[in-house]
C-alpha atoms as a PDB file:
ATOM      1  CA  UNK A   1      -1.663  -5.021  40.042  1.00  0.00           C
ATOM      2  CA  UNK A   2      -5.017  -5.426  37.684  1.00  0.00           C
ATOM      3  CA  UNK A   3      -6.118  -3.440  35.072  1.00  0.00           C
ATOM      4  CA  UNK A   4      -9.652  -3.170  38.143  1.00  0.00           C
ATOM      5  CA  UNK A   5      -7.210  -1.858  40.784  1.00  0.00           C
ATOM      6  CA  UNK A   6      -5.390   0.381  38.872  1.00  0.00           C
ATOM      7  CA  UNK A   7      -8.700   2.045  37.548  1.00  0.00           C
ATOM      8  CA  UNK A   8     -10.035   1.874  40.933  1.00  0.00           C
ATOM      9  CA  UNK A   9      -7.173   4.244  42.745  1.00  0.00           C
ATOM     10  CA  UNK A  10      -6.235   6.551  39.749  1.00  0.00           C
ATOM     11  CA  UNK A  11      -8.783   6.649  37.561  1.00  0.00           C
ATOM     12  CA  UNK A  12     -12.387   6.246  38.877  1.00  0.00           C
ATOM     13  CA  UNK A  13     -10.700   8.994  42.264  1.00  0.00           C
ATOM     14  CA  UNK A  14      -9.561  11.175  39.385  1.00  0.00           C
ATOM     15  CA  UNK A  15     -13.752  11.324  37.937  1.00  0.00           C
ATOM     16  CA  UNK A  16     -14.945  11.694  41.813  1.00  0.00           C
ATOM     17  CA  UNK A  17     -12.731  14.359  42.514  1.00  0.00           C
ATOM     18  CA  UNK A  18     -12.890  16.366  39.144  1.00  0.00           C
ATOM     19  CA  UNK A  19     -17.241  16.142  40.063  1.00  0.00           C
ATOM     20  CA  UNK A  20     -17.469  17.067  43.764  1.00  0.00           C
ATOM     21  CA  UNK A  21     -14.458  20.128  42.930  1.00  0.00           C
ATOM     22  CA  UNK A  22     -17.046  20.490  40.324  1.00  0.00           C
ATOM     23  CA  UNK A  23     -20.544  20.671  42.603  1.00  0.00           C
ATOM     24  CA  UNK A  24     -18.729  22.527  44.914  1.00  0.00           C
ATOM     25  CA  UNK A  25     -16.868  25.389  42.175  1.00  0.00           C
ATOM     26  CA  UNK A  26     -20.742  25.880  41.469  1.00  0.00           C
ATOM     27  CA  UNK A  27     -22.343  25.868  45.600  1.00  0.00           C
ATOM     28  CA  UNK A  28     -19.159  28.751  45.996  1.00  0.00           C
ATOM     29  CA  UNK A  29     -19.922  30.771  42.924  1.00  0.00           C
ATOM     30  CA  UNK A  30     -23.876  30.286  44.554  1.00  0.00           C
ATOM     31  CA  UNK A  31     -22.657  31.803  47.851  1.00  0.00           C
ATOM     32  CA  UNK A  32     -20.344  34.648  46.692  1.00  0.00           C
ATOM     33  CA  UNK A  33     -23.111  36.097  45.298  1.00  0.00           C
ATOM     34  CA  UNK A  34     -25.048  36.987  48.640  1.00  0.00           C
ATOM     35  CA  UNK A  35     -23.843  40.396  50.529  1.00  0.00           C
ATOM     36  CA  UNK A  36     -23.322  40.015  53.721  1.00  0.00           C
ATOM     37  CA  UNK A  37     -25.699  43.095  55.300  1.00  0.00           C
ATOM     38  CA  UNK A  38     -24.616  46.202  56.039  1.00  0.00           C
ATOM     39  CA  UNK A  39     -24.408  46.782  60.529  1.00  0.00           C
ATOM     40  CA  UNK A  40     -26.995  49.902  61.660  1.00  0.00           C
ATOM     41  CA  UNK A  41     -25.303  49.365  64.989  1.00  0.00           C
ATOM     42  CA  UNK A  42     -22.517  52.097  66.441  1.00  0.00           C
ATOM     43  CA  UNK A  43     -19.268  49.609  68.058  1.00  0.00           C
ATOM     44  CA  UNK A  44     -19.389  48.325  70.960  1.00  0.00           C
ATOM     45  CA  UNK A  45     -17.279  46.652  73.481  1.00  0.00           C
ATOM     46  CA  UNK A  46     -13.914  46.282  74.752  1.00  0.00           C
ATOM     47  CA  UNK A  47     -11.336  48.438  73.248  1.00  0.00           C
ATOM     48  CA  UNK A  48      -9.318  46.281  70.796  1.00  0.00           C
ATOM     49  CA  UNK A  49     -11.588  44.061  69.630  1.00  0.00           C
ATOM     50  CA  UNK A  50     -12.138  44.843  65.696  1.00  0.00           C
ATOM     51  CA  UNK A  51     -13.962  42.842  62.706  1.00  0.00           C
ATOM     52  CA  UNK A  52     -10.475  41.219  61.811  1.00  0.00           C
ATOM     53  CA  UNK A  53      -9.849  39.979  65.438  1.00  0.00           C
ATOM     54  CA  UNK A  54     -13.094  38.351  65.641  1.00  0.00           C
ATOM     55  CA  UNK A  55     -12.610  36.369  61.921  1.00  0.00           C
ATOM     56  CA  UNK A  56      -9.474  34.814  63.254  1.00  0.00           C
ATOM     57  CA  UNK A  57     -10.976  33.966  66.713  1.00  0.00           C
ATOM     58  CA  UNK A  58     -14.216  32.875  64.988  1.00  0.00           C
ATOM     59  CA  UNK A  59     -12.130  30.492  62.834  1.00  0.00           C
ATOM     60  CA  UNK A  60      -9.791  29.381  65.812  1.00  0.00           C
ATOM     61  CA  UNK A  61     -12.776  28.330  68.040  1.00  0.00           C
ATOM     62  CA  UNK A  62     -13.755  25.259  67.139  1.00  0.00           C
ATOM     63  CA  UNK A  63      -9.799  24.390  68.216  1.00  0.00           C
ATOM     64  CA  UNK A  64     -10.455  26.670  71.501  1.00  0.00           C
ATOM     65  CA  UNK A  65     -12.889  24.020  73.307  1.00  0.00           C
ATOM     66  CA  UNK A  66     -12.351  26.026  77.037  1.00  0.00           C
ATOM     67  CA  UNK A  67     -13.716  29.298  75.101  1.00  0.00           C
ATOM     68  CA  UNK A  68     -17.615  27.533  74.217  1.00  0.00           C
ATOM     69  CA  UNK A  69     -19.603  26.303  77.354  1.00  0.00           C
ATOM     70  CA  UNK A  70     -21.324  23.378  75.533  1.00  0.00           C
ATOM     71  CA  UNK A  71     -17.948  21.512  74.724  1.00  0.00           C
ATOM     72  CA  UNK A  72     -16.005  22.829  78.398  1.00  0.00           C
ATOM     73  CA  UNK A  73     -19.365  21.015  79.913  1.00  0.00           C
ATOM     74  CA  UNK A  74     -18.866  17.539  77.294  1.00  0.00           C
ATOM     75  CA  UNK A  75     -14.949  17.655  76.268  1.00  0.00           C
ATOM     76  CA  UNK A  76     -15.000  14.002  75.937  1.00  0.00           C
ATOM     77  CA  UNK A  77     -17.277  14.862  73.101  1.00  0.00           C
ATOM     78  CA  UNK A  78     -15.046  17.861  71.460  1.00  0.00           C
ATOM     79  CA  UNK A  79     -12.517  15.156  71.448  1.00  0.00           C
ATOM     80  CA  UNK A  80     -14.429  12.502  70.449  1.00  0.00           C
ATOM     81  CA  UNK A  81     -15.092  14.794  67.321  1.00  0.00           C
ATOM     82  CA  UNK A  82     -10.857  15.916  67.150  1.00  0.00           C
ATOM     83  CA  UNK A  83     -10.795  12.182  66.089  1.00  0.00           C
ATOM     84  CA  UNK A  84     -13.370  11.508  64.388  1.00  0.00           C
ATOM     85  CA  UNK A  85     -11.936  13.812  61.444  1.00  0.00           C
ATOM     86  CA  UNK A  86      -8.679  13.657  61.839  1.00  0.00           C
ATOM     87  CA  UNK A  87      -9.438   9.804  61.099  1.00  0.00           C
ATOM     88  CA  UNK A  88     -11.256  11.397  58.290  1.00  0.00           C
ATOM     89  CA  UNK A  89      -9.003  13.327  56.872  1.00  0.00           C
ATOM     90  CA  UNK A  90      -6.045  10.024  57.511  1.00  0.00           C
ATOM     91  CA  UNK A  91      -8.851   8.091  55.288  1.00  0.00           C
ATOM     92  CA  UNK A  92      -8.295  10.438  52.645  1.00  0.00           C
ATOM     93  CA  UNK A  93      -4.878  10.806  52.230  1.00  0.00           C
ATOM     94  CA  UNK A  94      -4.099   7.376  52.247  1.00  0.00           C
ATOM     95  CA  UNK A  95      -6.080   7.248  48.492  1.00  0.00           C
ATOM     96  CA  UNK A  96      -3.340   9.954  47.649  1.00  0.00           C
ATOM     97  CA  UNK A  97      -0.412   7.604  49.496  1.00  0.00           C
ATOM     98  CA  UNK A  98      -1.729   4.145  48.470  1.00  0.00           C
ATOM     99  CA  UNK A  99      -0.982   4.702  44.610  1.00  0.00           C
ATOM    100  CA  UNK A 100       1.410   7.678  44.494  1.00  0.00           C
ATOM    101  CA  UNK A 101       3.490   7.439  47.557  1.00  0.00           C
ATOM    102  CA  UNK A 102       2.994   3.936  48.783  1.00  0.00           C
ATOM    103  CA  UNK A 103       6.989   3.306  49.534  1.00  0.00           C
ATOM    104  CA  UNK A 104       5.242   5.599  52.637  1.00  0.00           C
ATOM    105  CA  UNK A 105       3.261   2.413  54.302  1.00  0.00           C
ATOM    106  CA  UNK A 106       6.624  -0.172  54.069  1.00  0.00           C
ATOM    107  CA  UNK A 107       7.518   2.236  57.717  1.00  0.00           C
ATOM    108  CA  UNK A 108       5.978  -0.036  59.876  1.00  0.00           C
ATOM    109  CA  UNK A 109       5.202   3.010  62.625  1.00  0.00           C
ATOM    110  CA  UNK A 110       3.338   4.918  59.719  1.00  0.00           C
ATOM    111  CA  UNK A 111       1.368   1.838  59.180  1.00  0.00           C
ATOM    112  CA  UNK A 112       0.859   1.918  63.188  1.00  0.00           C
ATOM    113  CA  UNK A 113      -0.121   5.349  63.048  1.00  0.00           C
ATOM    114  CA  UNK A 114      -2.478   4.832  60.397  1.00  0.00           C
ATOM    115  CA  UNK A 115      -4.585   2.015  61.709  1.00  0.00           C
ATOM    116  CA  UNK A 116      -4.816   4.034  65.327  1.00  0.00           C
ATOM    117  CA  UNK A 117      -5.911   7.385  64.560  1.00  0.00           C
ATOM    118  CA  UNK A 118      -8.559   5.391  61.679  1.00  0.00           C
ATOM    119  CA  UNK A 119      -9.854   2.517  64.364  1.00  0.00           C
ATOM    120  CA  UNK A 120     -10.212   4.541  66.465  1.00  0.00           C
ATOM    121  CA  UNK A 121     -12.878   6.933  63.522  1.00  0.00           C
ATOM    122  CA  UNK A 122     -14.123   3.727  63.590  1.00  0.00           C
ATOM    123  CA  UNK A 123     -14.841   2.905  67.399  1.00  0.00           C
ATOM    124  CA  UNK A 124     -16.441   6.628  67.116  1.00  0.00           C
ATOM    125  CA  UNK A 125     -18.361   6.152  64.230  1.00  0.00           C
ATOM    126  CA  UNK A 126     -19.611   3.451  65.789  1.00  0.00           C
ATOM    127  CA  UNK A 127     -20.580   5.086  69.352  1.00  0.00           C
ATOM    128  CA  UNK A 128     -21.893   7.954  67.450  1.00  0.00           C
ATOM    129  CA  UNK A 129     -24.382   5.414  65.247  1.00  0.00           C
ATOM    130  CA  UNK A 130     -25.219   4.513  68.615  1.00  0.00           C
ATOM    131  CA  UNK A 131     -25.848   7.584  69.858  1.00  0.00           C
ATOM    132  CA  UNK A 132     -28.213   8.503  67.617  1.00  0.00           C
ATOM    133  CA  UNK A 133     -29.720   5.645  67.603  1.00  0.00           C
ATOM    134  CA  UNK A 134     -30.213   5.471  71.485  1.00  0.00           C
ATOM    135  CA  UNK A 135     -31.125   9.147  72.324  1.00  0.00           C
ATOM    136  CA  UNK A 136     -34.513   9.901  72.292  1.00  0.00           C
ATOM    137  CA  UNK A 137     -33.200  14.040  71.111  1.00  0.00           C
ATOM    138  CA  UNK A 138     -30.780  12.307  68.355  1.00  0.00           C
ATOM    139  CA  UNK A 139     -33.442  10.341  66.868  1.00  0.00           C
ATOM    140  CA  UNK A 140     -35.820  13.688  66.569  1.00  0.00           C
ATOM    141  CA  UNK A 141     -33.361  15.528  64.883  1.00  0.00           C
ATOM    142  CA  UNK A 142     -32.023  12.498  62.325  1.00  0.00           C
ATOM    143  CA  UNK A 143     -32.995  12.327  59.051  1.00  0.00           C
ATOM    144  CA  UNK A 144     -32.525   8.954  56.321  1.00  0.00           C
ATOM    145  CA  UNK A 145     -29.214  10.737  55.348  1.00  0.00           C
ATOM    146  CA  UNK A 146     -27.950  11.365  58.867  1.00  0.00           C
ATOM    147  CA  UNK A 147     -28.041   7.557  59.379  1.00  0.00           C
ATOM    148  CA  UNK A 148     -26.783   6.926  55.220  1.00  0.00           C
ATOM    149  CA  UNK A 149     -23.475   9.098  55.782  1.00  0.00           C
ATOM    150  CA  UNK A 150     -22.485   7.688  59.005  1.00  0.00           C
ATOM    151  CA  UNK A 151     -22.755   4.174  58.286  1.00  0.00           C
ATOM    152  CA  UNK A 152     -21.413   4.920  55.273  1.00  0.00           C
ATOM    153  CA  UNK A 153     -17.995   6.679  56.938  1.00  0.00           C
ATOM    154  CA  UNK A 154     -17.664   3.658  59.573  1.00  0.00           C
ATOM    155  CA  UNK A 155     -17.649   0.987  56.658  1.00  0.00           C
ATOM    156  CA  UNK A 156     -15.647   3.083  54.753  1.00  0.00           C
ATOM    157  CA  UNK A 157     -13.044   3.383  57.706  1.00  0.00           C
ATOM    158  CA  UNK A 158     -12.617  -0.471  58.290  1.00  0.00           C
ATOM    159  CA  UNK A 159     -11.853  -0.641  55.081  1.00  0.00           C
ATOM    160  CA  UNK A 160      -9.127   2.132  55.104  1.00  0.00           C
ATOM    161  CA  UNK A 161      -8.190   0.257  58.305  1.00  0.00           C
ATOM    162  CA  UNK A 162      -7.917  -3.293  56.723  1.00  0.00           C
ATOM    163  CA  UNK A 163      -5.851  -1.221  53.218  1.00  0.00           C
ATOM    164  CA  UNK A 164      -3.418   1.023  55.349  1.00  0.00           C
ATOM    165  CA  UNK A 165      -1.084  -2.054  55.379  1.00  0.00           C
ATOM    166  CA  UNK A 166      -1.021  -1.873  50.814  1.00  0.00           C
ATOM    167  CA  UNK A 167      -1.047  -5.910  50.213  1.00  0.00           C
ATOM    168  CA  UNK A 168      -2.305  -5.994  47.743  1.00  0.00           C
ATOM    169  CA  UNK A 169      -0.521  -9.039  46.395  1.00  0.00           C
ATOM    170  CA  UNK A 170      -2.055 -10.884  48.693  1.00  0.00           C
ATOM    171  CA  UNK A 171      -5.683 -10.051  47.447  1.00  0.00           C
ATOM    172  CA  UNK A 172      -6.792  -7.273  45.796  1.00  0.00           C
ATOM    173  CA  UNK A 173     -10.366  -7.723  47.334  1.00  0.00           C
ATOM    174  CA  UNK A 174     -10.111  -4.735  50.425  1.00  0.00           C
ATOM    175  CA  UNK A 175      -8.702  -2.463  48.271  1.00  0.00           C
ATOM    176  CA  UNK A 176     -10.924  -2.134  45.569  1.00  0.00           C
ATOM    177  CA  UNK A 177     -13.936  -1.943  48.144  1.00  0.00           C
ATOM    178  CA  UNK A 178     -12.468   0.508  49.957  1.00  0.00           C
ATOM    179  CA  UNK A 179     -10.936   2.741  46.392  1.00  0.00           C
ATOM    180  CA  UNK A 180     -14.247   2.116  45.201  1.00  0.00           C
ATOM    181  CA  UNK A 181     -15.921   3.478  49.301  1.00  0.00           C
ATOM    182  CA  UNK A 182     -13.507   6.303  48.684  1.00  0.00           C
ATOM    183  CA  UNK A 183     -14.968   7.635  45.652  1.00  0.00           C
ATOM    184  CA  UNK A 184     -18.513   6.730  45.910  1.00  0.00           C
ATOM    185  CA  UNK A 185     -18.129   8.608  49.332  1.00  0.00           C
ATOM    186  CA  UNK A 186     -15.765  11.981  47.559  1.00  0.00           C
ATOM    187  CA  UNK A 187     -18.989  12.268  44.729  1.00  0.00           C
ATOM    188  CA  UNK A 188     -22.085  11.787  47.833  1.00  0.00           C
ATOM    189  CA  UNK A 189     -20.686  14.391  49.769  1.00  0.00           C
ATOM    190  CA  UNK A 190     -21.665  17.112  48.080  1.00  0.00           C
ATOM    191  CA  UNK A 191     -25.258  16.601  47.908  1.00  0.00           C
ATOM    192  CA  UNK A 192     -25.124  15.447  51.614  1.00  0.00           C
ATOM    193  CA  UNK A 193     -25.491  16.792  54.662  1.00  0.00           C
ATOM    194  CA  UNK A 194     -21.554  16.283  55.205  1.00  0.00           C
ATOM    195  CA  UNK A 195     -21.006  18.396  52.476  1.00  0.00           C
ATOM    196  CA  UNK A 196     -21.543  21.261  55.877  1.00  0.00           C
ATOM    197  CA  UNK A 197     -17.579  22.183  55.904  1.00  0.00           C
ATOM    198  CA  UNK A 198     -17.673  24.148  53.275  1.00  0.00           C
ATOM    199  CA  UNK A 199     -20.176  26.868  54.944  1.00  0.00           C
ATOM    200  CA  UNK A 200     -17.838  26.305  58.139  1.00  0.00           C
ATOM    201  CA  UNK A 201     -15.212  29.034  56.982  1.00  0.00           C
ATOM    202  CA  UNK A 202     -17.808  31.427  55.677  1.00  0.00           C
ATOM    203  CA  UNK A 203     -20.379  30.957  58.495  1.00  0.00           C
ATOM    204  CA  UNK A 204     -17.754  31.694  60.441  1.00  0.00           C
ATOM    205  CA  UNK A 205     -16.343  35.156  58.813  1.00  0.00           C
ATOM    206  CA  UNK A 206     -19.539  36.767  58.599  1.00  0.00           C
ATOM    207  CA  UNK A 207     -20.011  35.803  62.246  1.00  0.00           C
ATOM    208  CA  UNK A 208     -16.855  36.075  62.966  1.00  0.00           C
ATOM    209  CA  UNK A 209     -17.014  40.214  61.059  1.00  0.00           C
ATOM    210  CA  UNK A 210     -20.011  40.662  63.270  1.00  0.00           C
ATOM    211  CA  UNK A 211     -19.351  39.801  66.704  1.00  0.00           C
ATOM    212  CA  UNK A 212     -15.529  42.039  66.030  1.00  0.00           C
ATOM    213  CA  UNK A 213     -17.423  45.560  65.385  1.00  0.00           C
ATOM    214  CA  UNK A 214     -19.564  43.842  68.127  1.00  0.00           C
ATOM    215  CA  UNK A 215     -16.970  44.004  70.641  1.00  0.00           C
ATOM    216  CA  UNK A 216     -17.461  40.893  71.845  1.00  0.00           C
ATOM    217  CA  UNK A 217     -15.256  38.507  69.471  1.00  0.00           C
ATOM    218  CA  UNK A 218     -12.065  38.207  71.064  1.00  0.00           C
ATOM    219  CA  UNK A 219     -14.270  36.754  73.858  1.00  0.00           C
ATOM    220  CA  UNK A 220     -12.639  37.864  77.090  1.00  0.00           C
ATOM    221  CA  UNK A 221     -12.995  36.290  80.650  1.00  0.00           C
ATOM    222  CA  UNK A 222     -15.012  37.888  82.961  1.00  0.00           C
ATOM    223  CA  UNK A 223     -12.119  38.617  85.485  1.00  0.00           C
ATOM    224  CA  UNK A 224      -9.969  40.272  83.258  1.00  0.00           C
ATOM    225  CA  UNK A 225     -10.941  44.254  84.208  1.00  0.00           C
ATOM    226  CA  UNK A 226     -12.589  45.609  80.330  1.00  0.00           C
ATOM    227  CA  UNK A 227     -12.199  49.449  79.235  1.00  0.00           C
ATOM    228  CA  UNK A 228     -15.467  50.850  77.551  1.00  0.00           C
ATOM    229  CA  UNK A 229     -15.532  52.673  74.588  1.00  0.00           C
ATOM    230  CA  UNK A 230     -17.188  56.047  74.678  1.00  0.00           C
END
């Protein structure tokens, strides 16, 4: 292994992670300065629904496609969303596995699993680019950051897919590009719209707390009898 590849796998990733963690820490401290407003109405809704249950339901909502009308009507989009984010997770995990747990990739089954997940995410990323360009509604709400972030992820998936076998003895170019892209991605994400996931736990917490207080979360099916609070 060359010194350049060693630097890209270790020091460069460490620097990128430190920068990302620092920016996120500052953002979280800033977020915690704002307190949620107090409820100004009496609790309503069905008995047994509480703010705590509402918070848990709100956090878990992303894993329940049947709970939202949009995902019920577009279930394939929900599956694409899941596979896409599984690919992101796998590609990030790869940047840790290759330098520190490389022996894992000697298992052909694990290599195949990573390539299937990342490869599927790559295909979905291309589909998202086409959809964003071809649909007038998507074009009207898209910003340069949307296009750049999506293209960056797509290219990153491609090189992550090729890097899975971790065969640096056959050439280091693919691995170098993958690790440089990973470092850039880690530094860029906190300053881009991709950082929306940072706000997810906070926004869903406050939303679930409010909806639980009002007796709406967890949601009940319409065919279930409801007992109203007095």
